[in-house]
Amino acid sequence: MSKLEMSLQAAMNARIIGSGNETMVLAHGFGGDQSLWDKILPYLTKHYQVLLFDWLFSGAVKDPNLYDPLRYSSFDAFADDLIALMDELHLTSSVFVGHSMSGMIGCTASIQRPQLFSRIILVGASPRFITTDDYEGGFDGAAIDNMLSSIESDYENWTSSFAKLLVDNNDPLSIELYFKCLKSMNPEFILPLAKAIFRSDERETLEKVTTPCTIVQVKNDLVVPNSIAYYMQKKINGETTVEFVNADRHYPQLTAPLEFIHVLSRVLGFEI
């Protein structure tokens, strides 16, 4: 069955849970699936109808033929899917929480359809990972090339080392959870998607965003320097604030869920 012959809701394992008058959309990042939000869900579903889904590259998606690496070589195709999914579910004026790559997808979607979003929360997002003369991305071009080469030549070791790079090493259960998500992903999808993400340059996208934004930055994120949060705040045209989570690595929803929820509650005005 092609994607055109089934609903996006079914294809992307989308579900809405919780109560409340407002909707919150949770969008996972590279190599993940919706299970990575499980620790914070009980706090959110008290106040929001929460939309969870899996991007089509995810190992949780039942039919791998739904994902075309060529089509998804830019964030535009992901943004199209997000918009189409929200239209299918008749959602508007939602709080969008995008982790990592999904932050920039949410920004892209908001430019096309600003009425879909009341606020964008960018968690560990980055418009560009490669450092240039006037921009600190966190990596030089050679480091990105080496990472991509590792995916191609030593996929097994790369998945293990990448999970440990992104998830706090003091939380082995969370490392294992992310590692399992990463391993469940079709290996043929990983290299082209990694190229699309780590070689992307979405800096000009930021200037077109007019939706209010909150940037949530982990203080010790090894892949997104703190300076990027302030860079994004300066470039985004919508009212934008920066909030820090006192944690290590790239996954506050896994390794610092209570602190992460405290940040969200403060920003959005709900009680824990």
Protein backbone atom coordinates (compact mmCIF):
# COMPACT_ATOMS: atom_id res chain seq x y z
CA MET A 1 0.00 0.00 0.00
CA SER A 2 1.47 3.35 -0.99
CA LYS A 3 1.40 6.38 1.25
CA LEU A 4 -1.24 7.91 -1.01
CA GLU A 5 -3.55 4.95 -0.37
CA MET A 6 -3.53 5.24 3.41
CA SER A 7 -3.99 8.03 5.88
CA LEU A 8 -0.93 9.76 7.28
CA GLN A 9 -2.37 9.11 10.72
CA ALA A 10 -2.08 5.37 10.10
CA ALA A 11 1.25 5.57 8.27
CA MET A 12 2.89 7.65 11.02
CA ASN A 13 1.34 5.77 13.98
CA ALA A 14 -0.26 9.05 15.03
CA ARG A 15 -2.44 9.15 18.14
CA ILE A 16 -3.92 11.84 20.34
CA ILE A 17 -4.05 11.27 24.08
CA GLY A 18 -4.82 13.44 27.09
CA SER A 19 -7.30 16.16 27.88
CA GLY A 20 -7.50 19.92 27.65
CA ASN A 21 -8.62 22.56 25.20
CA GLU A 22 -5.21 23.01 23.61
CA THR A 23 -3.20 20.58 21.53
CA MET A 24 0.50 19.88 21.90
CA VAL A 25 2.43 18.16 19.11
CA LEU A 26 5.52 16.16 20.11
CA ALA A 27 7.98 15.51 17.26
CA HIS A 28 10.99 13.24 17.85
CA GLY A 29 14.40 13.60 16.28
CA PHE A 30 16.85 11.57 14.18
CA GLY A 31 16.90 7.84 14.91
CA GLY A 32 14.07 8.04 17.42
CA ASP A 33 10.37 7.33 17.72
CA GLN A 34 7.50 8.57 19.84
CA SER A 35 8.47 6.33 22.79
CA LEU A 36 11.24 8.80 23.63
CA TRP A 37 8.58 11.15 25.05
CA ASP A 38 7.15 8.57 27.48
CA LYS A 39 8.73 9.99 30.64
CA ILE A 40 7.13 13.42 30.26
CA LEU A 41 3.76 12.35 28.84
CA PRO A 42 1.94 11.90 32.19
CA TYR A 43 2.61 15.56 33.03
CA LEU A 44 1.50 16.87 29.64
CA THR A 45 -1.67 14.82 29.15
CA LYS A 46 -3.23 16.44 32.24
CA HIS A 47 -3.29 19.77 30.44
CA TYR A 48 -3.15 19.08 26.70
CA GLN A 49 -4.43 16.85 23.99
CA VAL A 50 -1.04 15.47 22.94
CA LEU A 51 -0.35 14.37 19.37
CA LEU A 52 2.35 11.71 19.12
CA PHE A 53 3.66 10.26 15.87
CA ASP A 54 6.65 8.60 14.22
CA TRP A 55 8.45 10.17 11.28
CA LEU A 56 8.42 7.77 8.33
CA PHE A 57 12.15 6.98 8.70
CA SER A 58 11.51 5.55 12.17
CA GLY A 59 11.91 1.85 12.86
CA ALA A 60 8.48 1.98 14.51
CA VAL A 61 6.82 2.60 11.13
CA LYS A 62 5.44 -0.69 9.86
CA ASP A 63 6.04 -0.21 6.14
CA PRO A 64 9.58 0.91 5.24
CA ASN A 65 8.46 1.51 1.65
CA LEU A 66 6.68 4.66 2.83
CA TYR A 67 10.04 6.41 3.27
CA ASP A 68 11.91 7.70 0.23
CA PRO A 69 15.42 8.94 1.17
CA LEU A 70 15.56 11.09 -1.97
CA ARG A 71 12.29 12.89 -1.19
CA TYR A 72 13.32 13.46 2.41
CA SER A 73 16.68 14.98 1.55
CA SER A 74 15.47 18.32 2.94
CA PHE A 75 13.30 19.43 5.84
CA ASP A 76 10.64 20.67 3.41
CA ALA A 77 9.27 17.16 2.82
CA PHE A 78 9.04 16.52 6.57
CA ALA A 79 7.28 19.87 7.03
CA ASP A 80 4.81 18.87 4.29
CA ASP A 81 4.04 15.65 6.18
CA LEU A 82 3.59 17.52 9.45
CA ILE A 83 1.19 19.99 7.86
CA ALA A 84 -0.74 17.23 6.10
CA LEU A 85 -1.00 15.19 9.32
CA MET A 86 -2.28 18.18 11.30
CA ASP A 87 -4.79 18.98 8.54
CA GLU A 88 -5.95 15.38 8.53
CA LEU A 89 -6.56 15.58 12.28
CA HIS A 90 -8.10 19.09 12.03
CA LEU A 91 -5.53 20.63 14.36
CA THR A 92 -4.76 24.35 14.50
CA SER A 93 -3.10 26.76 16.92
CA SER A 94 -1.10 23.97 18.56
CA VAL A 95 2.00 24.08 20.74
CA PHE A 96 4.71 22.32 18.73
CA VAL A 97 7.59 20.70 20.62
CA GLY A 98 10.32 19.64 18.20
CA HIS A 99 13.43 17.83 19.37
CA SER A 100 16.66 18.24 17.41
CA MET A 101 15.95 18.03 13.65
CA SER A 102 12.23 18.40 14.33
CA GLY A 103 12.81 21.90 15.65
CA MET A 104 13.80 23.09 12.20
CA ILE A 105 10.97 21.07 10.64
CA GLY A 106 8.51 22.91 12.87
CA CYS A 107 10.04 26.24 11.90
CA THR A 108 9.72 25.36 8.21
CA ALA A 109 6.08 24.27 8.64
CA SER A 110 5.25 27.44 10.57
CA ILE A 111 6.45 29.61 7.70
CA GLN A 112 4.10 27.83 5.31
CA ARG A 113 1.13 27.64 7.71
CA PRO A 114 1.59 29.93 10.73
CA GLN A 115 -2.01 29.40 11.89
CA LEU A 116 -1.20 25.79 12.78
CA PHE A 117 1.06 26.84 15.66
CA SER A 118 0.54 29.03 18.72
CA ARG A 119 4.10 28.45 19.93
CA ILE A 120 7.16 26.49 18.79
CA ILE A 121 9.39 24.91 21.41
CA LEU A 122 12.80 24.08 19.96
CA VAL A 123 14.60 21.44 22.03
CA GLY A 124 18.28 20.99 21.14
CA ALA A 125 17.62 22.38 17.67
CA SER A 126 20.29 23.69 15.32
CA PRO A 127 20.07 25.42 11.95
CA ARG A 128 23.59 24.31 11.01
CA PHE A 129 26.08 21.90 12.57
CA ILE A 130 29.20 22.94 10.65
CA THR A 131 31.26 25.87 11.91
CA THR A 132 32.09 28.68 9.49
CA ASP A 133 34.10 31.88 9.91
CA ASP A 134 31.18 33.76 11.45
CA TYR A 135 29.20 30.89 12.99
CA GLU A 136 29.88 28.25 15.63
CA GLY A 137 28.09 25.07 14.62
CA GLY A 138 29.87 22.64 16.93
CA PHE A 139 31.72 20.62 14.26
CA ASP A 140 34.13 21.30 11.45
CA GLY A 141 33.45 19.84 8.03
CA ALA A 142 36.04 17.08 8.50
CA ALA A 143 34.35 15.85 11.68
CA ILE A 144 31.01 15.57 9.88
CA ASP A 145 32.68 13.76 6.96
CA ASN A 146 34.30 11.33 9.40
CA MET A 147 30.98 10.63 11.08
CA LEU A 148 29.29 9.94 7.75
CA SER A 149 32.19 7.70 6.77
CA SER A 150 31.77 5.77 10.03
CA ILE A 151 28.09 5.18 9.29
CA GLU A 152 29.04 3.77 5.91
CA SER A 153 32.01 1.63 6.96
CA ASP A 154 31.25 0.56 10.54
CA TYR A 155 27.53 0.90 11.11
CA GLU A 156 27.39 -1.37 14.19
CA ASN A 157 30.02 0.54 16.15
CA TRP A 158 28.69 3.86 14.99
CA THR A 159 25.20 3.25 16.37
CA SER A 160 26.63 2.42 19.79
CA SER A 161 29.01 5.39 19.92
CA PHE A 162 26.36 7.79 18.58
CA ALA A 163 23.88 6.77 21.29
CA LYS A 164 26.54 7.42 23.94
CA LEU A 165 27.36 10.78 22.38
CA LEU A 166 23.75 11.95 22.50
CA VAL A 167 22.50 10.46 25.78
CA ASP A 168 23.94 11.15 29.26
CA ASN A 169 26.33 8.31 30.11
CA ASN A 170 25.06 8.35 33.72
CA ASP A 171 21.73 7.03 32.44
CA PRO A 172 22.46 3.64 30.82
CA LEU A 173 18.76 2.73 30.52
CA SER A 174 18.11 5.81 28.40
CA ILE A 175 21.17 5.07 26.28
CA GLU A 176 19.79 1.58 25.69
CA LEU A 177 16.36 2.95 24.78
CA TYR A 178 17.76 5.35 22.20
CA PHE A 179 20.18 2.69 20.91
CA LYS A 180 17.25 0.31 20.30
CA CYS A 181 15.37 3.02 18.40
CA LEU A 182 18.45 3.74 16.31
CA LYS A 183 19.05 0.04 15.61
CA SER A 184 15.43 -0.50 14.57
CA MET A 185 15.77 2.12 11.83
CA ASN A 186 16.42 0.79 8.33
CA PRO A 187 20.22 1.13 7.81
CA GLU A 188 19.58 2.27 4.23
CA PHE A 189 17.83 5.37 5.57
CA ILE A 190 20.45 6.43 8.09
CA LEU A 191 23.28 7.65 5.84
CA PRO A 192 21.19 9.82 3.47
CA LEU A 193 19.21 11.25 6.40
CA ALA A 194 22.39 11.97 8.38
CA LYS A 195 23.80 13.77 5.33
CA ALA A 196 20.62 15.81 4.99
CA ILE A 197 20.71 16.84 8.66
CA PHE A 198 24.40 17.36 9.38
CA ARG A 199 25.19 19.12 6.11
CA SER A 200 22.07 21.29 6.16
CA ASP A 201 22.10 25.06 6.44
CA GLU A 202 18.76 26.40 7.63
CA ARG A 203 20.01 29.73 8.97
CA GLU A 204 17.96 31.73 6.47
CA THR A 205 14.85 29.81 7.54
CA LEU A 206 15.02 31.34 11.01
CA GLU A 207 14.47 34.88 9.76
CA LYS A 208 11.12 33.88 8.23
CA VAL A 209 9.70 32.45 11.46
CA THR A 210 7.12 34.78 13.04
CA THR A 211 5.51 32.32 15.51
CA PRO A 212 6.50 32.87 19.16
CA CYS A 213 9.33 30.48 20.04
CA THR A 214 10.99 29.06 23.12
CA ILE A 215 14.47 27.59 22.70
CA VAL A 216 15.21 24.88 25.26
CA GLN A 217 18.94 24.27 25.47
CA VAL A 218 20.70 21.62 27.55
CA LYS A 219 23.65 23.28 29.28
CA ASN A 220 26.11 20.54 28.33
CA ASP A 221 24.96 19.40 24.89
CA LEU A 222 27.87 17.86 22.97
CA VAL A 223 26.26 18.37 19.56
CA VAL A 224 24.61 21.80 19.94
CA PRO A 225 26.75 24.52 21.55
CA ASN A 226 24.98 26.99 23.86
CA SER A 227 25.88 29.81 21.48
CA ILE A 228 23.46 28.35 18.92
CA ALA A 229 20.51 29.03 21.24
CA TYR A 230 21.39 32.72 21.35
CA TYR A 231 22.10 32.79 17.61
CA MET A 232 18.63 31.37 16.92
CA GLN A 233 17.02 33.79 19.37
CA LYS A 234 18.61 36.71 17.52
CA LYS A 235 17.61 35.46 14.06
CA ILE A 236 14.02 34.33 14.65
CA ASN A 237 11.53 37.11 13.97
CA GLY A 238 8.85 35.85 16.33
CA GLU A 239 9.10 36.69 20.05
CA THR A 240 11.76 34.25 21.27
CA THR A 241 13.15 33.27 24.67
CA VAL A 242 15.93 30.90 25.72
CA GLU A 243 15.55 28.42 28.59
CA PHE A 244 18.33 26.18 29.89
CA VAL A 245 17.99 22.69 31.31
CA ASN A 246 20.78 21.84 33.73
CA ALA A 247 21.67 18.45 32.25
CA ASP A 248 24.17 16.65 30.05
CA ARG A 249 23.96 15.66 26.39
CA HIS A 250 21.14 15.97 23.91
CA TYR A 251 18.07 14.27 25.44
CA PRO A 252 16.56 16.18 28.40
CA GLN A 253 13.23 14.38 27.94
CA LEU A 254 15.05 11.11 28.74
CA THR A 255 17.70 12.04 31.26
CA ALA A 256 16.27 15.14 32.99
CA PRO A 257 12.50 14.78 32.50
CA LEU A 258 11.46 16.62 35.67
CA GLU A 259 13.65 19.62 34.98
CA PHE A 260 12.48 19.63 31.38
CA ILE A 261 8.83 19.56 32.50
CA HIS A 262 9.51 22.41 34.94
CA VAL A 263 10.80 24.49 32.02
CA LEU A 264 7.73 23.68 29.90
CA SER A 265 5.35 24.42 32.78
CA ARG A 266 6.99 27.78 33.39
CA VAL A 267 6.90 28.72 29.71
CA LEU A 268 3.37 27.49 29.02
CA GLY A 269 1.82 28.33 32.39
CA PHE A 270 0.54 24.96 33.57
CA GLU A 271 0.93 23.36 36.99
CA ILE A 272 2.84 20.12 37.46
